[in-house]
């Protein structure tokens, strides 16, 4: 189990590092972030697909194809400024939509696509059925697409090198918290954290995850960020502490959210796409929890600049 977990994690990390290197050295069309759009779409749609399947298997009907397409609208919309710049034109700084506003546009498109799809399928049958399908579809699209699309905003923060560095830091700190919680829980775990949702999680694991996340956050902010950004601007003393704690805690909430859905749908696993790791959702669950708080902290100066 641990060997399979390490093998799958190594393949994922190697692939992402390759794309990160390409994004840093050879940005498509001179625009940051476009090399990373493809894996983002894979993770977003993969997560939505697994969540959709669990809901369908538990009797919560919705138009699966339409919902997966709606989910893809969000990362695609978030990347509009990057595509704009790849076409050779600087994205206007005075644009009222800005960069974060494109996610709102994507959410609007997803919502109304699901609504229009249900309008076309409505047959005047059982009252409430279409509404249930709409609510389920919007939940899937919003849950899987909205937080992960914020990773695009993190990539676009400040200068390209700095944005890439804090994106790597966000992913690294979040996943190191997962690893710290896993190993600390196995070594010292006795008292369960939320036994009714996730019997494997312990208070010792939670503390271990926070400690590891803060330590890795310090390494990222004082070593990785200056190296990639070419800047000696040091973060405030509170930055790595707050960032590590927030990523660890919200990552655990994201993980427990997946556990809640699995318990409610009677499923043991979200998927088996990745040997040792489970499904795609098992990789993204903690990032879904941390992406927005991390973006807020980074925008507030937690990493300096």
C-alpha atoms as a PDB file:
ATOM      1  CA  UNK A   1       0.000   0.000   0.000  1.00  0.00           C
ATOM      2  CA  UNK A   2       2.702   2.475   1.018  1.00  0.00           C
ATOM      3  CA  UNK A   3       4.866   1.397  -1.932  1.00  0.00           C
ATOM      4  CA  UNK A   4       1.993   1.960  -4.370  1.00  0.00           C
ATOM      5  CA  UNK A   5       1.258   5.311  -2.737  1.00  0.00           C
ATOM      6  CA  UNK A   6       4.870   6.440  -3.120  1.00  0.00           C
ATOM      7  CA  UNK A   7       5.037   5.197  -6.713  1.00  0.00           C
ATOM      8  CA  UNK A   8       1.875   7.019  -7.801  1.00  0.00           C
ATOM      9  CA  UNK A   9       2.925  10.161  -5.948  1.00  0.00           C
ATOM     10  CA  UNK A  10       6.343  10.054  -7.643  1.00  0.00           C
ATOM     11  CA  UNK A  11       4.788   9.804 -11.108  1.00  0.00           C
ATOM     12  CA  UNK A  12       2.424  12.718 -10.381  1.00  0.00           C
ATOM     13  CA  UNK A  13       5.196  14.870  -8.941  1.00  0.00           C
ATOM     14  CA  UNK A  14       7.543  14.138 -11.837  1.00  0.00           C
ATOM     15  CA  UNK A  15       4.882  15.042 -14.403  1.00  0.00           C
ATOM     16  CA  UNK A  16       3.948  18.258 -12.627  1.00  0.00           C
ATOM     17  CA  UNK A  17       7.586  19.251 -12.187  1.00  0.00           C
ATOM     18  CA  UNK A  18       8.121  18.802 -15.922  1.00  0.00           C
ATOM     19  CA  UNK A  19       5.188  21.063 -16.757  1.00  0.00           C
ATOM     20  CA  UNK A  20       6.260  23.591 -14.121  1.00  0.00           C
ATOM     21  CA  UNK A  21       9.727  23.697 -15.683  1.00  0.00           C
ATOM     22  CA  UNK A  22       8.197  24.289 -19.125  1.00  0.00           C
ATOM     23  CA  UNK A  23       5.924  26.986 -17.723  1.00  0.00           C
ATOM     24  CA  UNK A  24       8.868  28.719 -16.097  1.00  0.00           C
ATOM     25  CA  UNK A  25      11.360  28.466 -18.958  1.00  0.00           C
ATOM     26  CA  UNK A  26       9.185  28.286 -22.074  1.00  0.00           C
ATOM     27  CA  UNK A  27       5.763  29.856 -21.365  1.00  0.00           C
ATOM     28  CA  UNK A  28       3.273  29.239 -24.157  1.00  0.00           C
ATOM     29  CA  UNK A  29       2.890  32.403 -26.196  1.00  0.00           C
ATOM     30  CA  UNK A  30       4.884  34.193 -23.515  1.00  0.00           C
ATOM     31  CA  UNK A  31       1.947  33.876 -21.113  1.00  0.00           C
ATOM     32  CA  UNK A  32       2.295  32.327 -17.673  1.00  0.00           C
ATOM     33  CA  UNK A  33       0.259  29.348 -16.582  1.00  0.00           C
ATOM     34  CA  UNK A  34      -0.920  27.803 -19.853  1.00  0.00           C
ATOM     35  CA  UNK A  35       1.291  24.717 -19.536  1.00  0.00           C
ATOM     36  CA  UNK A  36      -0.513  24.031 -16.250  1.00  0.00           C
ATOM     37  CA  UNK A  37      -4.035  24.396 -17.642  1.00  0.00           C
ATOM     38  CA  UNK A  38      -4.170  20.836 -18.994  1.00  0.00           C
ATOM     39  CA  UNK A  39      -3.361  19.097 -15.668  1.00  0.00           C
ATOM     40  CA  UNK A  40      -5.700  21.507 -13.878  1.00  0.00           C
ATOM     41  CA  UNK A  41      -8.536  20.467 -16.199  1.00  0.00           C
ATOM     42  CA  UNK A  42      -7.689  16.802 -15.614  1.00  0.00           C
ATOM     43  CA  UNK A  43      -7.832  17.225 -11.833  1.00  0.00           C
ATOM     44  CA  UNK A  44     -10.963  19.388 -11.896  1.00  0.00           C
ATOM     45  CA  UNK A  45     -12.922  17.137 -14.258  1.00  0.00           C
ATOM     46  CA  UNK A  46     -11.564  13.991 -12.596  1.00  0.00           C
ATOM     47  CA  UNK A  47     -12.760  15.200  -9.199  1.00  0.00           C
ATOM     48  CA  UNK A  48     -16.162  16.203 -10.576  1.00  0.00           C
ATOM     49  CA  UNK A  49     -16.468  12.851 -12.362  1.00  0.00           C
ATOM     50  CA  UNK A  50     -15.864  10.856  -9.180  1.00  0.00           C
ATOM     51  CA  UNK A  51     -18.197  13.036  -7.123  1.00  0.00           C
ATOM     52  CA  UNK A  52     -20.846  12.789  -9.850  1.00  0.00           C
ATOM     53  CA  UNK A  53     -20.569   9.004  -9.922  1.00  0.00           C
ATOM     54  CA  UNK A  54     -20.983   8.719  -6.145  1.00  0.00           C
ATOM     55  CA  UNK A  55     -24.074  10.924  -6.242  1.00  0.00           C
ATOM     56  CA  UNK A  56     -25.594   9.004  -9.158  1.00  0.00           C
ATOM     57  CA  UNK A  57     -24.931   5.665  -7.444  1.00  0.00           C
ATOM     58  CA  UNK A  58     -26.731   6.936  -4.341  1.00  0.00           C
ATOM     59  CA  UNK A  59     -29.817   7.927  -6.343  1.00  0.00           C
ATOM     60  CA  UNK A  60     -29.136  11.647  -6.734  1.00  0.00           C
ATOM     61  CA  UNK A  61     -29.893  12.061 -10.429  1.00  0.00           C
ATOM     62  CA  UNK A  62     -28.318  14.710 -12.654  1.00  0.00           C
ATOM     63  CA  UNK A  63     -27.100  15.123 -16.217  1.00  0.00           C
ATOM     64  CA  UNK A  64     -23.527  13.873 -15.770  1.00  0.00           C
ATOM     65  CA  UNK A  65     -22.178  15.014 -19.139  1.00  0.00           C
ATOM     66  CA  UNK A  66     -23.655  18.491 -18.810  1.00  0.00           C
ATOM     67  CA  UNK A  67     -22.312  18.828 -15.271  1.00  0.00           C
ATOM     68  CA  UNK A  68     -18.766  17.816 -16.218  1.00  0.00           C
ATOM     69  CA  UNK A  69     -18.821  20.336 -19.056  1.00  0.00           C
ATOM     70  CA  UNK A  70     -20.134  23.005 -16.671  1.00  0.00           C
ATOM     71  CA  UNK A  71     -17.329  22.217 -14.224  1.00  0.00           C
ATOM     72  CA  UNK A  72     -14.725  22.753 -16.960  1.00  0.00           C
ATOM     73  CA  UNK A  73     -16.087  26.262 -17.567  1.00  0.00           C
ATOM     74  CA  UNK A  74     -14.511  27.507 -14.321  1.00  0.00           C
ATOM     75  CA  UNK A  75     -10.799  26.782 -14.910  1.00  0.00           C
ATOM     76  CA  UNK A  76     -11.211  27.770 -18.548  1.00  0.00           C
ATOM     77  CA  UNK A  77     -12.789  31.081 -17.558  1.00  0.00           C
ATOM     78  CA  UNK A  78     -10.088  31.703 -14.939  1.00  0.00           C
ATOM     79  CA  UNK A  79      -7.467  31.258 -17.672  1.00  0.00           C
ATOM     80  CA  UNK A  80      -8.975  33.848 -20.054  1.00  0.00           C
ATOM     81  CA  UNK A  81      -6.415  36.557 -19.094  1.00  0.00           C
ATOM     82  CA  UNK A  82      -3.571  34.090 -19.734  1.00  0.00           C
ATOM     83  CA  UNK A  83      -4.961  33.139 -23.146  1.00  0.00           C
ATOM     84  CA  UNK A  84      -5.483  36.844 -23.855  1.00  0.00           C
ATOM     85  CA  UNK A  85      -1.787  37.502 -23.225  1.00  0.00           C
ATOM     86  CA  UNK A  86      -0.732  34.442 -25.246  1.00  0.00           C
ATOM     87  CA  UNK A  87      -2.445  36.068 -28.226  1.00  0.00           C
ATOM     88  CA  UNK A  88       0.083  38.890 -28.019  1.00  0.00           C
ATOM     89  CA  UNK A  89      -1.926  41.541 -26.175  1.00  0.00           C
ATOM     90  CA  UNK A  90      -1.337  42.642 -22.599  1.00  0.00           C
ATOM     91  CA  UNK A  91      -4.376  41.992 -20.441  1.00  0.00           C
ATOM     92  CA  UNK A  92      -5.761  45.455 -19.568  1.00  0.00           C
ATOM     93  CA  UNK A  93      -5.058  46.418 -15.969  1.00  0.00           C
ATOM     94  CA  UNK A  94      -8.173  48.612 -15.885  1.00  0.00           C
ATOM     95  CA  UNK A  95     -10.523  45.828 -16.988  1.00  0.00           C
ATOM     96  CA  UNK A  96     -13.530  45.834 -14.668  1.00  0.00           C
ATOM     97  CA  UNK A  97     -13.651  42.049 -14.593  1.00  0.00           C
ATOM     98  CA  UNK A  98     -10.032  41.882 -13.451  1.00  0.00           C
ATOM     99  CA  UNK A  99      -8.587  38.403 -13.140  1.00  0.00           C
ATOM    100  CA  UNK A 100     -10.591  36.930 -10.271  1.00  0.00           C
ATOM    101  CA  UNK A 101     -13.844  38.106 -11.857  1.00  0.00           C
ATOM    102  CA  UNK A 102     -13.494  35.556 -14.646  1.00  0.00           C
ATOM    103  CA  UNK A 103     -14.210  32.806 -12.137  1.00  0.00           C
ATOM    104  CA  UNK A 104     -17.536  34.516 -11.426  1.00  0.00           C
ATOM    105  CA  UNK A 105     -18.192  34.549 -15.174  1.00  0.00           C
ATOM    106  CA  UNK A 106     -17.359  30.834 -15.307  1.00  0.00           C
ATOM    107  CA  UNK A 107     -19.703  30.090 -12.407  1.00  0.00           C
ATOM    108  CA  UNK A 108     -22.480  32.048 -14.116  1.00  0.00           C
ATOM    109  CA  UNK A 109     -21.903  30.082 -17.330  1.00  0.00           C
ATOM    110  CA  UNK A 110     -21.910  26.776 -15.436  1.00  0.00           C
ATOM    111  CA  UNK A 111     -25.111  27.621 -13.565  1.00  0.00           C
ATOM    112  CA  UNK A 112     -27.034  28.732 -16.635  1.00  0.00           C
ATOM    113  CA  UNK A 113     -25.742  25.873 -18.771  1.00  0.00           C
ATOM    114  CA  UNK A 114     -27.134  23.416 -16.200  1.00  0.00           C
ATOM    115  CA  UNK A 115     -30.392  25.378 -16.027  1.00  0.00           C
ATOM    116  CA  UNK A 116     -30.791  25.500 -19.820  1.00  0.00           C
ATOM    117  CA  UNK A 117     -29.979  21.791 -20.087  1.00  0.00           C
ATOM    118  CA  UNK A 118     -32.702  20.947 -17.579  1.00  0.00           C
ATOM    119  CA  UNK A 119     -35.145  23.234 -19.383  1.00  0.00           C
ATOM    120  CA  UNK A 120     -34.548  21.219 -22.558  1.00  0.00           C
ATOM    121  CA  UNK A 121     -35.064  17.919 -20.721  1.00  0.00           C
ATOM    122  CA  UNK A 122     -38.067  18.954 -18.637  1.00  0.00           C
ATOM    123  CA  UNK A 123     -41.057  16.752 -19.449  1.00  0.00           C
ATOM    124  CA  UNK A 124     -43.601  18.072 -16.950  1.00  0.00           C
ATOM    125  CA  UNK A 125     -43.316  14.915 -14.878  1.00  0.00           C
ATOM    126  CA  UNK A 126     -42.763  14.563 -11.144  1.00  0.00           C
ATOM    127  CA  UNK A 127     -42.595  18.018  -9.494  1.00  0.00           C
ATOM    128  CA  UNK A 128     -39.227  18.823  -7.989  1.00  0.00           C
ATOM    129  CA  UNK A 129     -37.233  16.329 -10.038  1.00  0.00           C
ATOM    130  CA  UNK A 130     -35.670  18.950 -12.312  1.00  0.00           C
ATOM    131  CA  UNK A 131     -34.877  21.167  -9.343  1.00  0.00           C
ATOM    132  CA  UNK A 132     -33.109  18.292  -7.573  1.00  0.00           C
ATOM    133  CA  UNK A 133     -31.040  17.621 -10.697  1.00  0.00           C
ATOM    134  CA  UNK A 134     -30.133  21.319 -10.970  1.00  0.00           C
ATOM    135  CA  UNK A 135     -29.100  21.586  -7.309  1.00  0.00           C
ATOM    136  CA  UNK A 136     -26.987  18.433  -7.503  1.00  0.00           C
ATOM    137  CA  UNK A 137     -25.316  19.545 -10.732  1.00  0.00           C
ATOM    138  CA  UNK A 138     -24.529  23.033  -9.441  1.00  0.00           C
ATOM    139  CA  UNK A 139     -23.050  21.543  -6.253  1.00  0.00           C
ATOM    140  CA  UNK A 140     -20.717  19.287  -8.248  1.00  0.00           C
ATOM    141  CA  UNK A 141     -19.593  22.107 -10.562  1.00  0.00           C
ATOM    142  CA  UNK A 142     -19.122  24.597  -7.729  1.00  0.00           C
ATOM    143  CA  UNK A 143     -17.392  22.200  -5.338  1.00  0.00           C
ATOM    144  CA  UNK A 144     -14.909  20.775  -7.838  1.00  0.00           C
ATOM    145  CA  UNK A 145     -14.442  23.743 -10.156  1.00  0.00           C
ATOM    146  CA  UNK A 146     -14.519  26.877  -8.029  1.00  0.00           C
ATOM    147  CA  UNK A 147     -11.739  26.297  -5.441  1.00  0.00           C
ATOM    148  CA  UNK A 148      -9.309  24.608  -7.835  1.00  0.00           C
ATOM    149  CA  UNK A 149      -9.737  27.431 -10.351  1.00  0.00           C
ATOM    150  CA  UNK A 150      -8.331  29.791  -7.711  1.00  0.00           C
ATOM    151  CA  UNK A 151      -4.967  28.071  -8.277  1.00  0.00           C
ATOM    152  CA  UNK A 152      -4.888  30.026 -11.558  1.00  0.00           C
ATOM    153  CA  UNK A 153      -5.214  33.257  -9.572  1.00  0.00           C
ATOM    154  CA  UNK A 154      -2.340  32.188  -7.323  1.00  0.00           C
ATOM    155  CA  UNK A 155      -0.201  31.521 -10.406  1.00  0.00           C
ATOM    156  CA  UNK A 156      -1.004  35.007 -11.690  1.00  0.00           C
ATOM    157  CA  UNK A 157      -0.055  36.852  -8.495  1.00  0.00           C
ATOM    158  CA  UNK A 158       2.639  39.517  -9.008  1.00  0.00           C
ATOM    159  CA  UNK A 159       5.553  38.620 -11.295  1.00  0.00           C
ATOM    160  CA  UNK A 160       5.489  35.270 -13.188  1.00  0.00           C
ATOM    161  CA  UNK A 161       8.411  33.770 -11.242  1.00  0.00           C
ATOM    162  CA  UNK A 162       6.901  34.802  -7.914  1.00  0.00           C
ATOM    163  CA  UNK A 163       3.447  33.538  -8.840  1.00  0.00           C
ATOM    164  CA  UNK A 164       4.857  30.168  -9.880  1.00  0.00           C
ATOM    165  CA  UNK A 165       6.859  29.945  -6.654  1.00  0.00           C
ATOM    166  CA  UNK A 166       3.849  30.587  -4.402  1.00  0.00           C
ATOM    167  CA  UNK A 167       1.737  28.150  -6.443  1.00  0.00           C
ATOM    168  CA  UNK A 168       4.343  25.440  -5.876  1.00  0.00           C
ATOM    169  CA  UNK A 169       4.470  26.460  -2.210  1.00  0.00           C
ATOM    170  CA  UNK A 170       0.693  26.151  -1.842  1.00  0.00           C
ATOM    171  CA  UNK A 171       0.640  22.651  -3.306  1.00  0.00           C
ATOM    172  CA  UNK A 172       3.784  21.546  -1.452  1.00  0.00           C
ATOM    173  CA  UNK A 173       2.691  22.836   1.956  1.00  0.00           C
ATOM    174  CA  UNK A 174      -0.792  21.350   1.580  1.00  0.00           C
ATOM    175  CA  UNK A 175       0.401  17.915   0.506  1.00  0.00           C
ATOM    176  CA  UNK A 176       3.230  17.857   3.061  1.00  0.00           C
ATOM    177  CA  UNK A 177       0.584  18.463   5.732  1.00  0.00           C
ATOM    178  CA  UNK A 178      -1.255  15.391   4.397  1.00  0.00           C
ATOM    179  CA  UNK A 179       1.945  13.347   4.605  1.00  0.00           C
ATOM    180  CA  UNK A 180       2.822  14.678   8.061  1.00  0.00           C
ATOM    181  CA  UNK A 181      -0.639  13.832   9.363  1.00  0.00           C
ATOM    182  CA  UNK A 182      -0.446  10.337   7.842  1.00  0.00           C
ATOM    183  CA  UNK A 183       2.908   9.410   9.362  1.00  0.00           C
ATOM    184  CA  UNK A 184       2.320  11.144  12.715  1.00  0.00           C
ATOM    185  CA  UNK A 185      -1.049   9.425  12.990  1.00  0.00           C
ATOM    186  CA  UNK A 186       0.472   6.009  12.292  1.00  0.00           C
ATOM    187  CA  UNK A 187       3.267   6.572  14.790  1.00  0.00           C
ATOM    188  CA  UNK A 188       1.498   8.344  17.646  1.00  0.00           C
ATOM    189  CA  UNK A 189      -2.208   8.346  16.895  1.00  0.00           C
ATOM    190  CA  UNK A 190      -4.490   7.186  19.676  1.00  0.00           C
ATOM    191  CA  UNK A 191      -7.398   9.580  20.101  1.00  0.00           C
ATOM    192  CA  UNK A 192      -9.624   9.824  17.044  1.00  0.00           C
ATOM    193  CA  UNK A 193     -10.299  13.222  15.484  1.00  0.00           C
ATOM    194  CA  UNK A 194     -13.735  12.634  13.897  1.00  0.00           C
ATOM    195  CA  UNK A 195     -14.347   8.883  14.217  1.00  0.00           C
ATOM    196  CA  UNK A 196     -17.827   8.940  12.666  1.00  0.00           C
ATOM    197  CA  UNK A 197     -16.449  10.416   9.436  1.00  0.00           C
ATOM    198  CA  UNK A 198     -12.852   9.209   9.219  1.00  0.00           C
ATOM    199  CA  UNK A 199     -11.750   6.584  11.768  1.00  0.00           C
ATOM    200  CA  UNK A 200      -8.140   6.786  10.570  1.00  0.00           C
ATOM    201  CA  UNK A 201      -7.653  10.446  11.501  1.00  0.00           C
ATOM    202  CA  UNK A 202      -6.260  11.256  14.934  1.00  0.00           C
ATOM    203  CA  UNK A 203      -5.427  14.348  16.960  1.00  0.00           C
ATOM    204  CA  UNK A 204      -1.749  13.386  16.863  1.00  0.00           C
ATOM    205  CA  UNK A 205      -1.946  13.246  13.082  1.00  0.00           C
ATOM    206  CA  UNK A 206      -3.573  16.677  12.964  1.00  0.00           C
ATOM    207  CA  UNK A 207      -0.824  18.188  15.123  1.00  0.00           C
ATOM    208  CA  UNK A 208       1.850  16.431  13.071  1.00  0.00           C
ATOM    209  CA  UNK A 209       0.340  17.785   9.868  1.00  0.00           C
ATOM    210  CA  UNK A 210       0.355  21.354  11.203  1.00  0.00           C
ATOM    211  CA  UNK A 211       3.959  21.119  12.421  1.00  0.00           C
ATOM    212  CA  UNK A 212       5.197  19.733   9.102  1.00  0.00           C
ATOM    213  CA  UNK A 213       3.188  22.304   7.121  1.00  0.00           C
ATOM    214  CA  UNK A 214       4.664  25.227   9.067  1.00  0.00           C
ATOM    215  CA  UNK A 215       8.203  23.867   8.667  1.00  0.00           C
ATOM    216  CA  UNK A 216       7.763  23.336   4.917  1.00  0.00           C
ATOM    217  CA  UNK A 217       6.148  26.765   4.621  1.00  0.00           C
ATOM    218  CA  UNK A 218       9.285  28.349   6.096  1.00  0.00           C
ATOM    219  CA  UNK A 219      11.476  26.448   3.627  1.00  0.00           C
ATOM    220  CA  UNK A 220       9.301  27.473   0.684  1.00  0.00           C
ATOM    221  CA  UNK A 221       9.012  31.153   1.610  1.00  0.00           C
ATOM    222  CA  UNK A 222      12.661  31.668   2.544  1.00  0.00           C
ATOM    223  CA  UNK A 223      14.304  29.401  -0.053  1.00  0.00           C
ATOM    224  CA  UNK A 224      12.064  28.471  -2.971  1.00  0.00           C
ATOM    225  CA  UNK A 225      10.262  31.789  -3.456  1.00  0.00           C
ATOM    226  CA  UNK A 226      13.437  33.950  -3.528  1.00  0.00           C
ATOM    227  CA  UNK A 227      15.147  31.436  -5.842  1.00  0.00           C
ATOM    228  CA  UNK A 228      12.365  31.373  -8.441  1.00  0.00           C
ATOM    229  CA  UNK A 229      11.287  34.982  -8.081  1.00  0.00           C
ATOM    230  CA  UNK A 230      14.816  36.408  -8.136  1.00  0.00           C
ATOM    231  CA  UNK A 231      13.886  38.578  -5.169  1.00  0.00           C
ATOM    232  CA  UNK A 232      15.344  38.949  -1.685  1.00  0.00           C
ATOM    233  CA  UNK A 233      12.105  40.263  -0.228  1.00  0.00           C
ATOM    234  CA  UNK A 234      11.586  38.295   2.993  1.00  0.00           C
ATOM    235  CA  UNK A 235       8.090  37.380   4.194  1.00  0.00           C
ATOM    236  CA  UNK A 236       6.796  38.729   7.516  1.00  0.00           C
ATOM    237  CA  UNK A 237       7.497  36.494  10.508  1.00  0.00           C
ATOM    238  CA  UNK A 238       3.797  35.598  10.792  1.00  0.00           C
ATOM    239  CA  UNK A 239       3.543  34.608   7.124  1.00  0.00           C
ATOM    240  CA  UNK A 240       4.896  31.029   7.090  1.00  0.00           C
ATOM    241  CA  UNK A 241       3.260  30.243  10.436  1.00  0.00           C
ATOM    242  CA  UNK A 242      -0.183  31.419   9.336  1.00  0.00           C
ATOM    243  CA  UNK A 243       0.185  29.903   5.891  1.00  0.00           C
ATOM    244  CA  UNK A 244       1.275  26.503   7.201  1.00  0.00           C
ATOM    245  CA  UNK A 245      -1.463  26.360   9.820  1.00  0.00           C
ATOM    246  CA  UNK A 246      -4.173  27.461   7.392  1.00  0.00           C
ATOM    247  CA  UNK A 247      -3.102  24.973   4.707  1.00  0.00           C
ATOM    248  CA  UNK A 248      -2.970  22.124   7.239  1.00  0.00           C
ATOM    249  CA  UNK A 249      -6.298  22.905   8.912  1.00  0.00           C
ATOM    250  CA  UNK A 250      -8.295  23.690   5.770  1.00  0.00           C
ATOM    251  CA  UNK A 251      -6.666  20.721   4.052  1.00  0.00           C
ATOM    252  CA  UNK A 252      -8.030  18.477   6.802  1.00  0.00           C
ATOM    253  CA  UNK A 253     -11.470  20.068   6.385  1.00  0.00           C
ATOM    254  CA  UNK A 254     -11.283  19.346   2.652  1.00  0.00           C
ATOM    255  CA  UNK A 255     -10.314  15.753   3.381  1.00  0.00           C
ATOM    256  CA  UNK A 256     -13.160  15.342   5.869  1.00  0.00           C
ATOM    257  CA  UNK A 257     -15.601  16.840   3.356  1.00  0.00           C
ATOM    258  CA  UNK A 258     -14.780  13.996   0.988  1.00  0.00           C
ATOM    259  CA  UNK A 259     -15.273  11.521   3.846  1.00  0.00           C
ATOM    260  CA  UNK A 260     -18.673  13.056   4.588  1.00  0.00           C
ATOM    261  CA  UNK A 261     -19.818  12.621   0.979  1.00  0.00           C
ATOM    262  CA  UNK A 262     -18.581   9.036   0.921  1.00  0.00           C
ATOM    263  CA  UNK A 263     -20.450   8.220   4.143  1.00  0.00           C
ATOM    264  CA  UNK A 264     -23.625   9.887   2.869  1.00  0.00           C
ATOM    265  CA  UNK A 265     -23.474   8.001  -0.435  1.00  0.00           C
ATOM    266  CA  UNK A 266     -22.468   4.674   1.111  1.00  0.00           C
ATOM    267  CA  UNK A 267     -19.178   4.518  -0.795  1.00  0.00           C
ATOM    268  CA  UNK A 268     -15.892   3.192   0.543  1.00  0.00           C
ATOM    269  CA  UNK A 269     -13.647   4.837  -2.058  1.00  0.00           C
ATOM    270  CA  UNK A 270     -14.031   7.779  -4.414  1.00  0.00           C
ATOM    271  CA  UNK A 271     -12.138   5.895  -7.119  1.00  0.00           C
ATOM    272  CA  UNK A 272      -9.161   3.687  -7.943  1.00  0.00           C
ATOM    273  CA  UNK A 273      -7.526   5.664 -10.709  1.00  0.00           C
ATOM    274  CA  UNK A 274      -4.223   6.092  -8.844  1.00  0.00           C
ATOM    275  CA  UNK A 275      -2.781   2.932  -7.200  1.00  0.00           C
ATOM    276  CA  UNK A 276      -2.099   3.531  -3.520  1.00  0.00           C
ATOM    277  CA  UNK A 277      -3.663   6.992  -3.590  1.00  0.00           C
ATOM    278  CA  UNK A 278      -7.215   6.087  -4.604  1.00  0.00           C
ATOM    279  CA  UNK A 279      -9.082   8.375  -6.939  1.00  0.00           C
ATOM    280  CA  UNK A 280      -8.334  11.802  -8.346  1.00  0.00           C
ATOM    281  CA  UNK A 281     -10.476  13.299  -5.590  1.00  0.00           C
ATOM    282  CA  UNK A 282      -8.148  11.768  -2.982  1.00  0.00           C
ATOM    283  CA  UNK A 283      -5.400  13.980  -4.442  1.00  0.00           C
ATOM    284  CA  UNK A 284      -7.456  17.177  -4.752  1.00  0.00           C
ATOM    285  CA  UNK A 285      -9.561  16.978  -1.561  1.00  0.00           C
ATOM    286  CA  UNK A 286      -7.126  18.944   0.610  1.00  0.00           C
ATOM    287  CA  UNK A 287      -6.316  21.448  -2.171  1.00  0.00           C
ATOM    288  CA  UNK A 288     -10.028  22.142  -2.567  1.00  0.00           C
ATOM    289  CA  UNK A 289      -9.997  23.185   1.078  1.00  0.00           C
ATOM    290  CA  UNK A 290      -6.815  25.266   0.963  1.00  0.00           C
ATOM    291  CA  UNK A 291      -6.840  27.060  -2.409  1.00  0.00           C
ATOM    292  CA  UNK A 292      -9.045  30.016  -1.460  1.00  0.00           C
ATOM    293  CA  UNK A 293      -7.591  30.642   2.058  1.00  0.00           C
ATOM    294  CA  UNK A 294      -4.068  30.336   0.604  1.00  0.00           C
ATOM    295  CA  UNK A 295      -4.889  32.889  -2.118  1.00  0.00           C
ATOM    296  CA  UNK A 296      -6.243  35.307   0.487  1.00  0.00           C
ATOM    297  CA  UNK A 297      -3.142  34.968   2.678  1.00  0.00           C
ATOM    298  CA  UNK A 298      -0.753  35.328  -0.250  1.00  0.00           C
ATOM    299  CA  UNK A 299      -2.649  38.391  -1.474  1.00  0.00           C
ATOM    300  CA  UNK A 300      -2.333  39.810   2.048  1.00  0.00           C
ATOM    301  CA  UNK A 301       1.461  39.476   1.946  1.00  0.00           C
ATOM    302  CA  UNK A 302       2.098  36.222   3.794  1.00  0.00           C
ATOM    303  CA  UNK A 303       4.928  35.357   1.394  1.00  0.00           C
ATOM    304  CA  UNK A 304       6.321  38.868   1.176  1.00  0.00           C
ATOM    305  CA  UNK A 305       6.766  40.968  -1.985  1.00  0.00           C
END
